[in-house]
Amino acid sequence: MARLSVPSEAVGETGDVTGAIVFNEDGSVLSEASVIIVGVDGLRSDESRRVGFLRRSAIQTSRFPEAKFVVTGTEGMPWPLPSEGSISFTLIGDMTIRDVTRPVALEVDADFTGDSFTAIASTIITFDQFDRSKPRLAFILSVEDEIRLELDIQALIRTGR
């Protein structure tokens, strides 16, 4: 145990993220077209046993290979979107992990440049929130209740006109 640094943050990542957020002319979200899909079957980590547990037990990626976030609204987002500058706002929606869907708010920090933007969207969820138990594995000393989810976003802004 001397080689372990405590506390240690577990990081899982995937590049398998797709989606779109579609706005009506008044700036409201068209939720049936505003979905972000994360392919959880491709999760990677510095600890293969942890990812193996997530794939087999916690998420069961063979049965539920995707997590989904359906955007239903925003708070604090200016409309029309800026062509330059930085803004912070909240994306409101319904997140589905496995077969459990719960309301979630993603805090977004975005930088706009012309017809594109980059952003970091993040939230905190818990195992209980999605009807999951905290992992109890021999190689893990302890697991926090909170899970920080973070999306690094690079997107184009397109208009329907």
Foldseek 3Di string as FASTA:
>chain_A
DVVDDPPDDWDKDDPQKDFDWDADPVRFTPQVRGKIKHQLVRIDTPDVVVSVCCCVPLQVCVQVRIKMWGFGGKAPADPPHDQFDKDKIKTWTWIDGRHFIDIFIWIKIWGHHGFKIKIKTKGKDFCVNRPHDDDDDPVDPDDDRIDMDMDTDIDGHDDPD
